[in-house]
């Protein structure tokens, strides 16, 4: 029987397991940075009418990087062509112990607690879950970069075929690999991955899975619905080698990848196409021009979050701002907290991104609010949140304002000035600047930043009072901004 997620029960169970899981995690060896995720959940959610896109937007904004920083992998997210009120996704784990630890941390953590009410309000049922396991040859090949938040949905179709079996799934798996798979490949159909039921008990009971079922599931990518339909006879012929073991008719899921799905059709027929984003992924950068890039959980999560939300040129700009600012503070002999300064630098221009911006605030205030909320929701202190807010809000107001706040605000101001107006040759040598630009390229920053700023002014022409205000007046010259004289004269006070 399929049930709707019981959040109160889930949260109670998670709280009960946190201490045990913390002990488990401390005893576990460090997990290698591998793309091997042999344990996978195939999750099918039934949603309220009209709520599918609401959940997808929330999921892609809040629930991707927040899970992956805990060692899990959001492999694919999809709509279902045949069931418009369904959301389907794949979550991978390196093993059962890692699954328990990751799920306990996520569902007991700040991100889920902050957003679970909105997510749950979209759902009728979230318990239709198959827990699956693959051998090494059958795992997804994780290659390519995940598109940024706000990207367009890709073309192509992912098809999951579920076989319900009368025999041990591992025996059917042997028949699939030795007989059916070669027939599929001969017909030009290359399975992306294939799995069978995980026979071990569910070690995270707060999230139910369908137990007592024996299945084999395989995935393939197609150019469109037509090419999938044209392949049906070839698939039917290939599966005759395994059909005698079917308990009932196979189930076929025709899935359209959502904008940020890692699993999508690629010309190489491998899982995960490379996006058009040209940037260093946050995990790849640990040092630039002698400046260490913070690697704390808060810093890494912030980098993943902002990298997903911002276009490549803006994300790279944020990285350079931190590096230039840190070098400037080092030249002044001024101390600062690298983690807080790094988070502030990452968020300082996020308010220019329409999908996360408010309706009326300046981009500086939007970025400050986003940074403050992120720090508080992800384990930072109130003091860190306050410092980050002030640094972002004042990053383009000048040193006089920044010096009254913190060294982190001074760092952000110095770094932004260096990357936008040009580095001071008295502070930054040519060789240092070259090192920074080699590791974090500008990607046509001038042109693309001006375009983003102009678009911001068109959307919110009255939002800016500082550095960007002259551009907004130029872009939208006829907007009625009132005047100081009119405001004073209209005051309802008797002289």
Protein backbone atom coordinates (compact mmCIF):
# COMPACT_ATOMS: atom_id res chain seq x y z
CA UNK A 1 0.00 0.00 0.00
CA UNK A 2 1.31 3.45 -0.91
CA UNK A 3 1.24 6.15 1.76
CA UNK A 4 1.90 9.86 2.00
CA UNK A 5 5.09 10.82 3.81
CA UNK A 6 4.50 11.13 7.56
CA UNK A 7 6.74 14.07 8.39
CA UNK A 8 6.27 14.03 12.14
CA UNK A 9 7.19 10.36 12.26
CA UNK A 10 10.11 10.95 9.94
CA UNK A 11 11.49 13.79 12.02
CA UNK A 12 11.08 11.88 15.29
CA UNK A 13 12.86 8.87 13.88
CA UNK A 14 15.62 11.02 12.45
CA UNK A 15 16.18 12.73 15.80
CA UNK A 16 16.36 9.34 17.47
CA UNK A 17 18.98 8.18 14.98
CA UNK A 18 21.21 11.24 14.90
CA UNK A 19 23.44 10.23 17.80
CA UNK A 20 23.85 6.68 16.52
CA UNK A 21 24.59 7.90 13.03
CA UNK A 22 27.11 10.43 14.27
CA UNK A 23 28.94 7.58 15.97
CA UNK A 24 28.72 5.53 12.80
CA UNK A 25 30.11 8.39 10.71
CA UNK A 26 33.00 9.01 13.08
CA UNK A 27 33.92 5.35 12.90
CA UNK A 28 33.70 5.16 9.12
CA UNK A 29 36.79 5.77 7.00
CA UNK A 30 36.77 8.81 4.75
CA UNK A 31 34.90 8.13 1.53
CA UNK A 32 36.98 8.47 -1.61
CA UNK A 33 35.90 11.07 -4.15
CA UNK A 34 34.47 8.46 -6.48
CA UNK A 35 31.66 8.44 -8.99
CA UNK A 36 30.61 4.96 -7.91
CA UNK A 37 27.04 4.85 -6.57
CA UNK A 38 25.96 1.19 -6.72
CA UNK A 39 22.97 1.65 -4.37
CA UNK A 40 20.13 3.66 -5.93
CA UNK A 41 16.62 4.69 -4.95
CA UNK A 42 14.08 4.96 -7.78
CA UNK A 43 11.56 7.38 -6.24
CA UNK A 44 8.13 8.08 -7.80
CA UNK A 45 6.03 10.81 -6.18
CA UNK A 46 2.33 11.43 -6.80
CA UNK A 47 1.57 15.15 -6.51
CA UNK A 48 -1.44 17.38 -6.13
CA UNK A 49 -2.85 18.83 -9.33
CA UNK A 50 -0.71 21.69 -10.63
CA UNK A 51 2.06 21.25 -8.03
CA UNK A 52 4.65 19.37 -10.10
CA UNK A 53 6.56 22.43 -11.29
CA UNK A 54 6.39 23.96 -7.81
CA UNK A 55 8.17 20.94 -6.36
CA UNK A 56 10.70 20.76 -9.18
CA UNK A 57 11.67 24.41 -8.71
CA UNK A 58 12.06 23.96 -4.95
CA UNK A 59 13.94 20.67 -5.38
CA UNK A 60 16.42 22.04 -7.93
CA UNK A 61 17.07 25.15 -5.89
CA UNK A 62 17.38 23.66 -2.39
CA UNK A 63 17.69 19.85 -2.43
CA UNK A 64 20.48 19.01 -4.88
CA UNK A 65 23.74 20.38 -3.47
CA UNK A 66 22.44 20.06 0.10
CA UNK A 67 22.26 16.27 -0.37
CA UNK A 68 25.42 15.89 -2.42
CA UNK A 69 27.57 17.64 0.20
CA UNK A 70 26.53 14.79 2.51
CA UNK A 71 27.89 12.14 0.14
CA UNK A 72 24.70 11.25 -1.73
CA UNK A 73 24.20 11.80 -5.47
CA UNK A 74 21.09 13.22 -7.12
CA UNK A 75 21.52 11.24 -10.33
CA UNK A 76 18.41 12.24 -12.21
CA UNK A 77 15.18 14.21 -11.83
CA UNK A 78 12.25 13.80 -14.23
CA UNK A 79 8.70 14.46 -15.21
CA UNK A 80 6.66 11.46 -16.40
CA UNK A 81 5.21 11.78 -19.91
CA UNK A 82 2.33 9.46 -19.08
CA UNK A 83 1.50 10.81 -15.61
CA UNK A 84 1.55 14.61 -15.52
CA UNK A 85 1.18 14.82 -11.73
CA UNK A 86 4.22 12.65 -11.02
CA UNK A 87 7.79 13.55 -10.15
CA UNK A 88 10.43 10.81 -10.51
CA UNK A 89 14.02 10.94 -9.31
CA UNK A 90 17.08 8.79 -8.69
CA UNK A 91 19.27 9.12 -5.60
CA UNK A 92 22.57 7.24 -5.39
CA UNK A 93 24.67 6.04 -2.46
CA UNK A 94 28.09 4.46 -2.14
CA UNK A 95 26.74 1.82 0.22
CA UNK A 96 24.10 1.03 2.83
CA UNK A 97 26.03 2.60 5.72
CA UNK A 98 26.52 5.77 3.68
CA UNK A 99 22.82 5.77 2.85
CA UNK A 100 21.81 5.67 6.50
CA UNK A 101 24.31 8.36 7.46
CA UNK A 102 23.42 10.64 4.56
CA UNK A 103 19.66 10.37 4.98
CA UNK A 104 19.86 10.88 8.73
CA UNK A 105 21.97 13.99 8.31
CA UNK A 106 19.85 15.46 5.53
CA UNK A 107 16.40 14.86 7.03
CA UNK A 108 17.65 15.99 10.42
CA UNK A 109 19.42 19.00 8.97
CA UNK A 110 18.65 22.67 8.49
CA UNK A 111 17.83 22.63 4.78
CA UNK A 112 15.11 19.99 5.03
CA UNK A 113 13.69 21.53 8.19
CA UNK A 114 13.52 24.91 6.47
CA UNK A 115 11.71 23.65 3.36
CA UNK A 116 9.93 20.38 4.20
CA UNK A 117 6.54 22.00 4.75
CA UNK A 118 6.55 23.49 1.24
CA UNK A 119 7.73 20.21 -0.28
CA UNK A 120 5.21 18.09 1.57
CA UNK A 121 2.36 20.40 0.59
CA UNK A 122 2.85 19.35 -3.04
CA UNK A 123 2.66 15.60 -2.36
CA UNK A 124 -0.08 13.02 -2.15
CA UNK A 125 2.35 10.10 -1.87
CA UNK A 126 6.13 9.75 -1.63
CA UNK A 127 6.48 6.09 -0.64
CA UNK A 128 6.63 4.49 -4.11
CA UNK A 129 10.33 3.70 -3.85
CA UNK A 130 12.43 0.84 -5.19
CA UNK A 131 15.80 0.33 -3.48
CA UNK A 132 18.15 -1.11 -6.09
CA UNK A 133 21.73 -2.34 -6.37
CA UNK A 134 24.09 -2.67 -9.34
CA UNK A 135 27.30 -4.53 -9.98
CA UNK A 136 30.19 -2.43 -11.28
CA UNK A 137 29.41 -2.90 -15.00
CA UNK A 138 25.79 -1.87 -14.45
CA UNK A 139 26.28 1.46 -12.69
CA UNK A 140 25.63 4.86 -14.21
CA UNK A 141 28.71 6.51 -15.69
CA UNK A 142 28.69 9.90 -14.00
CA UNK A 143 30.31 12.37 -16.37
CA UNK A 144 29.61 15.97 -17.33
CA UNK A 145 28.62 18.99 -15.25
CA UNK A 146 25.25 19.63 -13.69
CA UNK A 147 23.51 22.63 -15.30
CA UNK A 148 23.04 25.74 -13.18
CA UNK A 149 19.76 26.53 -11.48
CA UNK A 150 17.54 28.33 -13.96
CA UNK A 151 18.80 26.45 -17.03
CA UNK A 152 16.40 25.24 -19.71
CA UNK A 153 15.14 21.67 -19.76
CA UNK A 154 17.16 19.43 -22.11
CA UNK A 155 15.90 17.50 -25.08
CA UNK A 156 15.77 13.74 -25.10
CA UNK A 157 14.01 10.95 -23.26
CA UNK A 158 15.12 8.56 -20.51
CA UNK A 159 13.24 5.26 -20.33
CA UNK A 160 13.24 3.04 -17.26
CA UNK A 161 12.01 -0.51 -17.82
CA UNK A 162 11.00 -2.50 -14.73
CA UNK A 163 10.79 -6.30 -14.88
CA UNK A 164 8.85 -8.01 -12.06
CA UNK A 165 10.39 -11.44 -11.51
CA UNK A 166 9.44 -14.89 -10.27
CA UNK A 167 13.06 -15.88 -9.60
CA UNK A 168 16.07 -14.57 -7.71
CA UNK A 169 16.86 -11.20 -9.34
CA UNK A 170 20.55 -12.04 -9.46
CA UNK A 171 19.84 -15.05 -11.70
CA UNK A 172 17.79 -12.82 -13.99
CA UNK A 173 20.64 -10.29 -13.94
CA UNK A 174 23.04 -12.90 -15.26
CA UNK A 175 20.65 -13.70 -18.12
CA UNK A 176 20.23 -9.97 -18.83
CA UNK A 177 23.98 -9.29 -19.00
CA UNK A 178 24.89 -12.40 -21.01
CA UNK A 179 21.98 -12.64 -23.42
CA UNK A 180 19.64 -9.67 -23.49
CA UNK A 181 22.17 -6.84 -23.32
CA UNK A 182 24.20 -8.05 -26.35
CA UNK A 183 20.97 -8.23 -28.35
CA UNK A 184 20.08 -4.66 -27.33
CA UNK A 185 23.50 -3.36 -28.34
CA UNK A 186 23.27 -5.14 -31.69
CA UNK A 187 19.99 -3.27 -32.27
CA UNK A 188 21.71 0.03 -31.45
CA UNK A 189 20.28 0.33 -27.92
CA UNK A 190 22.90 0.84 -25.22
CA UNK A 191 21.62 0.48 -21.66
CA UNK A 192 22.92 3.28 -19.44
CA UNK A 193 22.67 1.21 -16.25
CA UNK A 194 20.86 -1.80 -14.83
CA UNK A 195 19.93 -2.79 -11.29
CA UNK A 196 18.20 -5.46 -9.23
CA UNK A 197 16.38 -5.30 -5.91
CA UNK A 198 18.57 -4.62 -2.88
CA UNK A 199 17.80 -7.66 -0.76
CA UNK A 200 19.15 -6.27 2.54
CA UNK A 201 16.54 -4.72 4.86
CA UNK A 202 15.85 -1.00 4.62
CA UNK A 203 18.22 0.53 7.19
CA UNK A 204 16.43 3.91 7.21
CA UNK A 205 12.82 3.01 8.17
CA UNK A 206 11.59 6.65 8.28
CA UNK A 207 11.66 6.50 4.47
CA UNK A 208 9.77 3.35 3.40
CA UNK A 209 10.71 1.35 0.34
CA UNK A 210 8.76 -1.32 -1.53
CA UNK A 211 9.89 -4.53 0.17
CA UNK A 212 9.16 -8.11 -0.81
CA UNK A 213 9.41 -7.37 -4.55
CA UNK A 214 11.91 -8.87 -6.98
CA UNK A 215 12.72 -6.58 -9.86
CA UNK A 216 15.32 -5.87 -12.52
CA UNK A 217 15.40 -2.28 -13.80
CA UNK A 218 17.35 -0.95 -16.76
CA UNK A 219 17.67 2.54 -18.24
CA UNK A 220 18.24 3.78 -21.79
CA UNK A 221 18.35 7.19 -23.49
CA UNK A 222 16.51 8.12 -26.67
CA UNK A 223 16.45 11.17 -28.90
CA UNK A 224 12.69 11.56 -28.57
CA UNK A 225 9.42 9.67 -28.20
CA UNK A 226 9.51 8.60 -31.84
CA UNK A 227 12.90 6.90 -31.62
CA UNK A 228 11.79 5.14 -28.46
CA UNK A 229 8.62 3.89 -30.12
CA UNK A 230 10.65 2.69 -33.13
CA UNK A 231 12.86 0.61 -30.80
CA UNK A 232 9.99 -1.32 -29.24
CA UNK A 233 10.17 -4.33 -31.54
CA UNK A 234 13.93 -4.64 -30.96
CA UNK A 235 13.43 -4.49 -27.18
CA UNK A 236 10.61 -7.04 -27.32
CA UNK A 237 12.82 -9.40 -29.31
CA UNK A 238 15.81 -8.93 -27.00
CA UNK A 239 13.83 -9.56 -23.83
CA UNK A 240 12.58 -12.97 -24.98
CA UNK A 241 15.66 -14.34 -23.23
CA UNK A 242 14.40 -13.12 -19.88
CA UNK A 243 10.62 -13.02 -20.43
CA UNK A 244 10.00 -16.57 -19.03
CA UNK A 245 10.95 -15.20 -15.61
CA UNK A 246 8.39 -12.35 -15.62
CA UNK A 247 5.81 -12.42 -12.84
CA UNK A 248 3.70 -9.84 -14.67
CA UNK A 249 3.96 -7.43 -17.58
CA UNK A 250 6.93 -5.06 -17.52
CA UNK A 251 6.42 -1.44 -16.45
CA UNK A 252 7.83 1.34 -18.63
CA UNK A 253 8.53 4.87 -17.37
CA UNK A 254 8.99 7.47 -20.11
CA UNK A 255 10.87 10.25 -18.36
CA UNK A 256 11.75 13.79 -19.43
CA UNK A 257 14.79 15.19 -17.61
CA UNK A 258 14.21 18.39 -15.64
CA UNK A 259 16.61 21.34 -16.19
CA UNK A 260 19.22 20.24 -13.61
CA UNK A 261 19.02 16.49 -14.09
CA UNK A 262 22.46 14.94 -14.37
CA UNK A 263 20.99 11.95 -16.19
CA UNK A 264 20.01 13.02 -19.71
CA UNK A 265 20.49 11.96 -23.28
CA UNK A 266 24.03 12.59 -24.55
CA UNK A 267 25.45 12.03 -28.00
CA UNK A 268 27.92 9.57 -26.53
CA UNK A 269 25.00 7.58 -25.07
CA UNK A 270 26.67 7.93 -21.72
CA UNK A 271 24.94 9.23 -18.67
CA UNK A 272 25.29 12.95 -18.14
CA UNK A 273 25.97 15.43 -20.91
CA UNK A 274 28.43 18.22 -20.39
CA UNK A 275 26.69 21.51 -19.93
CA UNK A 276 27.68 24.70 -21.68
CA UNK A 277 29.01 26.03 -18.41
CA UNK A 278 32.76 26.66 -18.53
CA UNK A 279 34.03 27.03 -15.01
CA UNK A 280 36.01 25.35 -12.31
CA UNK A 281 33.78 23.26 -10.15
CA UNK A 282 34.11 24.39 -6.52
CA UNK A 283 35.65 21.12 -5.38
CA UNK A 284 38.49 21.48 -7.91
CA UNK A 285 39.87 24.72 -6.45
CA UNK A 286 41.74 24.54 -3.18
CA UNK A 287 44.27 27.32 -3.79
CA UNK A 288 44.59 30.26 -6.19
CA UNK A 289 47.66 32.53 -6.34
CA UNK A 290 48.70 31.43 -2.87
CA UNK A 291 45.25 32.02 -1.35
CA UNK A 292 43.68 28.92 0.19
CA UNK A 293 40.04 28.39 -0.77
CA UNK A 294 38.09 27.46 2.39
CA UNK A 295 37.06 23.81 2.50
CA UNK A 296 34.74 23.79 5.52
CA UNK A 297 31.30 22.19 5.08
CA UNK A 298 29.64 25.63 5.09
CA UNK A 299 32.08 26.98 2.50
CA UNK A 300 31.79 23.98 0.18
CA UNK A 301 28.00 23.96 0.40
CA UNK A 302 27.88 27.68 -0.33
CA UNK A 303 30.13 27.23 -3.36
CA UNK A 304 27.96 24.42 -4.71
CA UNK A 305 24.78 26.41 -4.11
CA UNK A 306 26.00 29.59 -5.79
CA UNK A 307 27.67 27.71 -8.66
CA UNK A 308 24.33 26.09 -9.40
CA UNK A 309 22.43 29.38 -9.29
CA UNK A 310 24.77 31.77 -11.10
CA UNK A 311 25.97 31.83 -14.71
CA UNK A 312 29.62 30.87 -15.13
CA UNK A 313 31.05 34.38 -15.58
CA UNK A 314 29.37 35.62 -12.38
CA UNK A 315 30.46 32.65 -10.31
CA UNK A 316 34.06 33.03 -11.49
CA UNK A 317 33.89 36.75 -10.67
CA UNK A 318 32.85 35.86 -7.10
CA UNK A 319 35.83 33.52 -6.74
CA UNK A 320 38.23 36.18 -8.03
CA UNK A 321 36.74 38.76 -5.66
CA UNK A 322 37.61 36.54 -2.70
CA UNK A 323 41.13 35.87 -3.96
CA UNK A 324 41.91 39.52 -4.79
CA UNK A 325 40.37 40.64 -1.51
CA UNK A 326 42.36 38.12 0.51
CA UNK A 327 45.58 39.23 -1.19
CA UNK A 328 44.74 42.88 -0.48
CA UNK A 329 44.10 42.17 3.21
CA UNK A 330 47.33 40.19 3.44
CA UNK A 331 49.21 43.18 1.98
CA UNK A 332 47.65 45.39 4.66
CA UNK A 333 48.49 42.90 7.40
CA UNK A 334 44.80 42.66 8.35
CA UNK A 335 43.28 39.48 9.79
CA UNK A 336 39.93 38.09 8.65
CA UNK A 337 37.81 34.95 8.91
CA UNK A 338 38.31 33.12 5.58
CA UNK A 339 35.07 31.11 5.81
CA UNK A 340 32.82 34.12 6.41
CA UNK A 341 34.62 36.27 3.83
CA UNK A 342 34.41 33.48 1.24
CA UNK A 343 30.67 32.98 1.74
CA UNK A 344 30.10 36.75 1.49
CA UNK A 345 32.13 36.91 -1.73
CA UNK A 346 30.18 34.03 -3.24
CA UNK A 347 26.82 35.67 -2.52
CA UNK A 348 27.67 39.30 -3.22
CA UNK A 349 26.22 39.41 -6.77
CA UNK A 350 23.63 36.63 -6.46
CA UNK A 351 20.91 39.30 -6.33
CA UNK A 352 21.46 39.87 -10.06
CA UNK A 353 20.04 36.41 -10.82
CA UNK A 354 16.31 36.84 -11.55
CA UNK A 355 15.26 33.42 -10.28
CA UNK A 356 16.41 34.16 -6.71
CA UNK A 357 15.94 37.93 -6.60
CA UNK A 358 13.13 39.76 -4.80
CA UNK A 359 10.60 41.95 -6.54
CA UNK A 360 11.86 45.31 -5.25
CA UNK A 361 15.19 45.13 -3.39
CA UNK A 362 18.53 46.25 -4.79
CA UNK A 363 20.80 43.43 -5.89
CA UNK A 364 23.09 44.15 -2.93
CA UNK A 365 20.27 43.74 -0.38
CA UNK A 366 18.98 40.62 -2.11
CA UNK A 367 22.46 39.11 -2.01
CA UNK A 368 22.85 40.09 1.64
CA UNK A 369 19.52 38.53 2.59
CA UNK A 370 20.33 35.34 0.71
CA UNK A 371 23.76 35.10 2.36
CA UNK A 372 22.35 35.67 5.84
CA UNK A 373 19.64 33.05 5.39
CA UNK A 374 22.08 30.54 3.93
CA UNK A 375 24.57 30.91 6.80
CA UNK A 376 21.86 30.49 9.44
CA UNK A 377 20.28 27.49 7.67
CA UNK A 378 23.60 25.68 7.19
CA UNK A 379 25.26 25.69 10.57
CA UNK A 380 26.85 29.15 10.66
CA UNK A 381 26.67 31.44 13.67
CA UNK A 382 24.50 34.53 14.05
CA UNK A 383 27.68 36.63 14.10
CA UNK A 384 28.82 35.12 10.81
CA UNK A 385 25.39 35.83 9.32
CA UNK A 386 25.54 39.45 10.52
CA UNK A 387 29.04 40.00 9.14
CA UNK A 388 28.14 38.39 5.81
CA UNK A 389 24.98 40.51 5.48
CA UNK A 390 26.82 43.77 6.10
CA UNK A 391 29.72 42.85 3.82
CA UNK A 392 27.45 42.00 0.90
CA UNK A 393 25.07 44.93 1.42
CA UNK A 394 27.96 47.44 1.49
CA UNK A 395 30.39 45.85 -0.95
CA UNK A 396 30.11 48.71 -3.48
CA UNK A 397 29.60 51.64 -1.07
CA UNK A 398 33.28 52.38 -0.49
CA UNK A 399 35.87 51.82 2.19
CA UNK A 400 34.47 54.46 4.56
CA UNK A 401 31.32 52.39 5.10
CA UNK A 402 33.07 49.03 5.05
CA UNK A 403 35.68 50.01 7.64
CA UNK A 404 32.90 50.62 10.17
CA UNK A 405 31.75 47.03 9.79
CA UNK A 406 34.45 44.35 9.59
CA UNK A 407 37.64 43.27 7.90
CA UNK A 408 35.51 40.81 5.93
CA UNK A 409 33.57 43.78 4.51
CA UNK A 410 36.83 45.50 3.65
CA UNK A 411 38.04 42.32 1.92
CA UNK A 412 34.88 42.11 -0.17
CA UNK A 413 35.08 45.77 -1.17
CA UNK A 414 38.75 45.53 -2.11
CA UNK A 415 38.23 42.33 -4.08
CA UNK A 416 35.22 43.65 -5.98
CA UNK A 417 37.04 46.87 -6.84
CA UNK A 418 40.07 44.95 -8.10
CA UNK A 419 38.06 42.65 -10.34
CA UNK A 420 35.67 45.29 -11.70
CA UNK A 421 37.87 48.41 -11.95
CA UNK A 422 41.24 46.70 -12.26
CA UNK A 423 43.81 45.60 -9.68
CA UNK A 424 46.11 48.19 -8.11
CA UNK A 425 49.62 47.57 -9.45
CA UNK A 426 51.02 48.64 -6.05
CA UNK A 427 49.27 45.69 -4.44
CA UNK A 428 49.05 43.04 -7.16
CA UNK A 429 51.98 42.10 -9.38
CA UNK A 430 51.42 41.21 -13.02
CA UNK A 431 52.43 37.65 -12.25
CA UNK A 432 49.86 37.39 -9.43
CA UNK A 433 47.07 38.74 -11.63
CA UNK A 434 48.05 36.29 -14.37
CA UNK A 435 47.90 33.40 -11.88
CA UNK A 436 44.42 34.40 -10.76
CA UNK A 437 43.09 34.74 -14.30
CA UNK A 438 44.67 31.45 -15.37
CA UNK A 439 42.85 29.53 -12.64
CA UNK A 440 39.62 31.56 -12.70
CA UNK A 441 39.12 32.99 -16.22
CA UNK A 442 36.99 36.08 -16.81
CA UNK A 443 34.75 34.55 -19.51
CA UNK A 444 33.87 37.90 -21.13
CA UNK A 445 33.03 39.35 -17.73
CA UNK A 446 32.79 43.01 -18.78
CA UNK A 447 30.22 42.50 -21.49
CA UNK A 448 28.22 39.85 -19.69
CA UNK A 449 28.18 41.67 -16.35
CA UNK A 450 26.98 44.90 -17.99
CA UNK A 451 24.23 42.96 -19.71
CA UNK A 452 23.13 41.34 -16.43
CA UNK A 453 23.22 44.70 -14.64
CA UNK A 454 21.19 46.39 -17.38
CA UNK A 455 18.62 43.60 -17.27
CA UNK A 456 18.38 44.08 -13.49
CA UNK A 457 17.73 47.81 -14.01
CA UNK A 458 14.98 47.05 -16.52
CA UNK A 459 13.29 44.73 -14.05
CA UNK A 460 13.71 46.99 -11.01
CA UNK A 461 14.58 50.53 -12.16
CA UNK A 462 13.93 52.11 -8.76
CA UNK A 463 15.77 49.54 -6.65
CA UNK A 464 19.27 51.01 -6.74
CA UNK A 465 20.49 53.95 -4.62
CA UNK A 466 24.25 53.49 -4.88
CA UNK A 467 26.83 52.34 -7.40
CA UNK A 468 24.41 50.94 -9.97
CA UNK A 469 21.89 53.79 -9.83
CA UNK A 470 23.50 55.82 -12.68
CA UNK A 471 23.22 52.81 -14.99
CA UNK A 472 19.56 52.31 -14.07
CA UNK A 473 18.87 55.98 -14.84
CA UNK A 474 20.53 55.53 -18.22
CA UNK A 475 18.78 52.26 -19.06
CA UNK A 476 15.32 53.45 -17.93
CA UNK A 477 15.57 57.26 -18.26
CA UNK A 478 11.87 58.11 -18.14
CA UNK A 479 11.06 56.30 -14.90
CA UNK A 480 9.58 58.70 -12.36
CA UNK A 481 11.96 58.66 -9.42
CA UNK A 482 10.54 61.69 -7.65
CA UNK A 483 12.93 64.20 -6.10
CA UNK A 484 14.30 65.28 -2.75
CA UNK A 485 12.51 68.62 -3.02
CA UNK A 486 9.16 66.98 -3.75
CA UNK A 487 9.54 64.55 -0.89
CA UNK A 488 10.32 67.27 1.64
CA UNK A 489 7.59 69.57 0.36
CA UNK A 490 4.98 66.83 0.55
CA UNK A 491 5.66 66.03 4.21
CA UNK A 492 2.35 66.47 6.18
CA UNK A 493 3.91 68.75 8.80
CA UNK A 494 3.13 72.35 9.78
CA UNK A 495 6.11 74.67 9.70
